[in-house]
Protein backbone atom coordinates (compact mmCIF):
# COMPACT_ATOMS: atom_id res chain seq x y z
CA MET A 1 137.75 128.81 112.09
CA THR A 2 136.11 128.58 115.45
CA THR A 3 136.84 125.92 117.98
CA GLU A 4 134.13 125.34 120.53
CA LYS A 5 134.88 123.94 123.93
CA THR A 6 132.12 122.38 125.99
CA ILE A 7 132.45 122.65 129.76
CA ASP A 8 130.41 120.37 131.94
CA GLY A 9 128.33 122.72 134.10
CA THR A 10 127.24 120.10 136.60
CA ALA A 11 127.53 121.67 140.06
CA THR A 12 129.39 119.71 142.67
CA GLU A 13 129.73 120.63 146.31
CA MET A 14 133.28 121.31 147.30
CA PRO A 15 134.28 119.40 150.44
CA ARG A 16 134.98 121.62 153.45
CA PRO A 17 138.50 121.43 154.76
CA ALA A 18 138.61 119.46 157.96
CA ALA A 19 138.98 121.58 161.06
CA PRO A 20 142.44 121.19 162.57
CA ARG A 21 142.36 118.68 165.35
CA ARG A 22 143.38 120.14 168.64
CA SER A 23 145.43 117.92 170.88
CA ARG A 24 143.85 116.79 174.12
CA ARG A 25 146.79 118.27 176.03
CA GLY A 26 146.30 121.65 174.37
CA TRP A 27 142.58 121.51 175.14
CA ILE A 28 143.26 120.76 178.79
CA VAL A 29 145.80 123.58 179.11
CA GLY A 30 143.36 125.98 177.47
CA ALA A 31 140.52 124.86 179.70
CA ILE A 32 142.58 125.40 182.80
CA ALA A 33 144.01 128.73 181.70
CA ALA A 34 140.70 130.14 180.42
CA PRO A 35 139.46 131.21 183.86
CA LEU A 36 142.37 133.63 184.02
CA ALA A 37 141.10 135.46 180.95
CA PHE A 38 137.42 135.40 181.91
CA GLY A 39 137.75 135.98 185.64
CA ALA A 40 135.98 132.78 186.64
CA VAL A 41 134.78 132.68 190.20
CA GLY A 42 135.76 129.93 192.60
CA LEU A 43 139.31 129.32 191.43
CA SER A 44 142.25 130.57 193.38
CA LEU A 45 144.40 132.87 191.27
CA ALA A 46 147.34 132.69 193.63
CA GLN A 47 150.52 132.02 191.68
CA ASN A 48 152.33 129.37 193.66
CA SER A 49 155.01 128.81 191.02
CA GLY A 50 157.44 130.83 193.11
CA VAL A 51 159.05 129.71 196.33
CA THR A 52 160.52 131.62 199.24
CA LEU A 53 164.28 131.19 199.31
CA THR A 54 165.80 130.67 202.74
CA PRO A 55 167.71 133.86 203.69
CA VAL A 56 171.40 133.23 204.35
CA ALA A 57 173.48 135.43 206.62
CA PRO A 58 176.31 137.02 204.60
CA VAL A 59 179.97 136.18 205.21
CA THR A 60 182.99 138.21 204.21
CA ILE A 61 184.24 137.70 200.69
CA ALA A 62 187.40 136.09 202.04
CA GLN A 63 185.18 133.45 203.71
CA LEU A 64 183.34 132.42 200.55
CA ALA A 65 183.63 128.67 200.03
CA PRO A 66 181.98 126.18 197.63
CA SER A 67 178.31 126.04 198.59
CA ALA A 68 174.83 125.80 197.06
CA ALA A 69 173.57 128.59 199.33
CA ILE A 70 175.93 131.27 200.59
CA ALA A 71 175.85 135.07 200.69
CA ALA A 72 178.26 138.00 200.75
CA LYS A 73 177.79 141.73 201.28
CA GLY A 74 179.81 144.54 199.74
CA ASP A 75 179.95 147.31 197.17
CA VAL A 76 179.81 147.00 193.39
CA ALA A 77 183.35 147.82 192.21
CA GLU A 78 183.13 147.06 188.47
CA ILE A 79 180.48 145.89 186.00
CA PHE A 80 181.05 143.65 182.97
CA GLY A 81 177.73 142.94 181.25
CA ASN A 82 175.90 140.36 183.37
CA LYS A 83 178.82 140.10 185.78
CA PHE A 84 180.08 142.47 188.41
CA VAL A 85 182.83 142.61 191.02
CA LEU A 86 181.65 142.65 194.63
CA GLN A 87 184.16 144.14 197.05
CA ASP A 88 184.45 144.41 200.81
CA GLY A 89 187.34 145.00 203.21
CA SER A 90 188.50 141.38 202.88
CA GLY A 91 188.66 141.01 199.11
CA ARG A 92 186.78 140.78 195.83
CA ALA A 93 184.45 138.25 194.21
CA LEU A 94 183.05 137.96 190.70
CA VAL A 95 179.25 137.75 190.67
CA GLU A 96 177.31 136.24 187.74
CA THR A 97 173.69 137.43 187.40
CA GLY A 98 172.35 135.59 184.34
CA LYS A 99 169.93 137.02 181.77
CA GLN A 100 168.51 139.67 184.09
CA GLY A 101 171.87 141.42 184.22
CA GLU A 102 172.83 141.24 180.54
CA ASP A 103 172.20 144.95 179.93
CA GLY A 104 174.64 145.88 182.71
CA LYS A 105 171.98 147.94 184.50
CA LEU A 106 170.98 145.55 187.26
CA VAL A 107 173.39 147.25 189.68
CA THR A 108 175.33 150.50 189.65
CA LYS A 109 178.96 151.10 190.45
CA GLY A 110 179.43 151.91 194.13
CA GLU A 111 176.06 150.43 195.12
CA ALA A 112 175.93 148.40 198.35
CA VAL A 113 174.30 144.99 197.84
CA THR A 114 174.02 141.57 199.42
CA VAL A 115 174.27 138.66 197.00
CA GLN A 116 173.02 135.15 197.78
CA GLY A 117 173.57 132.16 195.55
CA ARG A 118 175.88 129.29 194.63
CA PHE A 119 179.62 129.77 194.99
CA GLU A 120 181.66 127.53 192.73
CA ASN A 121 184.89 127.73 190.71
CA GLY A 122 185.55 131.26 191.95
CA PHE A 123 182.13 132.62 190.86
CA LEU A 124 179.19 133.63 193.01
CA HIS A 125 176.21 132.65 190.84
CA ALA A 126 173.50 134.95 192.17
CA THR A 127 169.97 133.77 192.91
CA LEU A 128 168.94 136.62 195.19
CA LEU A 129 170.10 140.25 195.21
CA THR A 130 169.21 142.53 198.13
CA ARG A 131 169.71 146.27 197.82
CA ALA A 132 170.54 148.68 200.66
CA ASP A 133 166.88 149.71 200.95
CA GLY A 134 165.78 146.10 201.43
CA GLN A 135 164.45 145.60 197.90
CA THR A 136 165.08 142.07 196.65
CA VAL A 137 165.53 140.77 193.12
CA VAL A 138 165.22 137.04 192.40
CA LEU A 139 167.65 135.97 189.69
CA GLY A 140 168.21 132.87 187.61
CA PRO A 141 165.81 130.66 185.64
CA PRO A 142 162.06 130.72 186.34
CA ARG A 143 161.16 128.81 189.47
CA GLY A 144 158.56 126.16 188.94
CA PRO A 145 157.11 124.55 185.81
CA LYS A 146 158.20 125.72 182.38
CA PRO A 147 155.80 128.31 180.91
CA GLY A 148 153.13 126.94 178.55
CA GLY A 149 152.87 123.43 179.92
CA LEU A 150 150.09 121.73 181.84
CA ASP A 151 151.87 122.06 185.21
CA TRP A 152 152.42 125.77 184.52
CA ALA A 153 148.73 126.31 183.70
CA LYS A 154 147.67 124.54 186.88
CA ASP A 155 150.01 126.69 188.93
CA LYS A 156 148.59 129.84 187.35
CA VAL A 157 145.06 129.10 188.55
CA GLY A 158 146.01 127.70 191.94
CA LEU A 159 145.50 124.05 191.01
CA GLY A 160 149.16 123.06 191.20
CA PRO A 161 150.56 120.68 193.81
CA ALA A 162 150.49 121.92 197.40
CA ILE A 163 153.95 122.93 198.59
CA ASP A 164 154.30 122.33 202.32
CA ALA A 165 157.86 123.60 202.76
CA PRO A 166 157.87 123.27 206.60
CA ALA A 167 156.73 119.64 206.40
CA LEU A 168 159.32 118.83 203.73
CA THR A 169 162.02 120.56 205.77
CA ALA A 170 161.04 118.49 208.80
CA LYS A 171 161.24 115.32 206.71
CA VAL A 172 164.75 116.25 205.51
CA GLU A 173 165.80 116.96 209.09
CA ALA A 174 164.41 113.60 210.21
CA ALA A 175 166.56 111.96 207.52
CA GLY A 176 169.67 113.20 209.34
CA TYR A 177 170.45 116.46 207.54
CA SER A 178 171.01 119.88 209.14
CA ASP A 179 171.51 123.53 208.14
CA ILE A 180 168.63 123.20 205.66
CA ARG A 181 168.17 126.01 203.13
CA VAL A 182 165.62 126.14 200.31
CA THR A 183 167.44 127.26 197.15
CA GLY A 184 164.72 126.82 194.49
CA ARG A 185 161.96 124.62 193.12
CA GLY A 186 161.10 122.58 190.08
CA PRO A 187 157.73 121.39 188.73
CA ARG A 188 157.31 118.85 191.55
CA HIS A 189 160.24 119.30 193.89
CA LEU A 190 162.23 121.73 196.03
CA ASP A 191 166.00 122.13 195.89
CA MET A 192 167.58 122.26 199.34
CA ALA A 193 171.15 122.87 200.42
CA VAL A 194 171.95 120.85 203.55
CA LYS A 195 174.78 119.55 205.69
CA GLY A 196 175.14 115.79 205.97
CA GLN A 197 176.09 113.98 209.16
CA ASP A 198 179.66 113.94 207.86
CA GLY A 199 179.69 117.76 207.70
CA ILE A 200 179.78 117.84 203.89
CA GLU A 201 177.29 120.12 202.16
CA ARG A 202 174.92 118.54 199.67
CA LEU A 203 172.21 119.70 197.28
CA LEU A 204 169.00 117.68 197.65
CA HIS A 205 166.07 117.07 195.30
CA VAL A 206 163.06 116.90 197.65
CA GLY A 207 159.86 115.82 195.92
CA PHE A 208 156.54 117.27 197.02
CA ASP A 209 155.65 113.67 197.89
CA GLY A 210 158.56 113.57 200.38
CA ASP A 211 161.02 111.62 198.21
CA ILE A 212 164.59 112.74 199.00
CA ARG A 213 167.50 112.35 196.59
CA GLU A 214 171.05 113.71 196.75
CA LYS A 215 171.93 115.61 193.56
CA ARG A 216 175.53 116.57 194.34
CA SER A 217 177.98 117.52 197.07
CA PHE A 218 180.22 120.55 197.58
């Protein structure tokens, strides 16, 4: 016994899957970043996401005190992963180097270095390491906008906000602060360690538009 099955052979056009919609933000980031890949003319390729940290003269380890910007010079006595012991004739200090030092190879035992950073709770949290030959290593989180965002893309092609550090420093000084040191930057601001009129050190958030806010004191 044979069973026959009839199949309707009418051809129908299969609908094409809709192309994924790209977000406007993603399109803008891509449009800004594209010149990097294709070498477009007329756009500055200067990466202004970095910022020059204000050099701080080192003190002896015994003189280290809570501060957002302080430095000490000595020899590497011991290494513990991303931490090492800095030693001079006055004492020892524990230095924390963050992700860059996690393999324990950032410094070598016996090496002479100058470490600049934030000293707090007995730790010197390094932001700048200077070797005996003058080579410097910037430590800590990336300075500037987070990678992948619109601000980051603008920075990459030289379209980010203009950073007039001297003008911002002058504005902070005019507001009554002294001993001004640039310690880092964010997407639209600089971090500055300063002394207030009362002699207490403070960390300021200084917007590129000149807005000044106190973040904390030491």
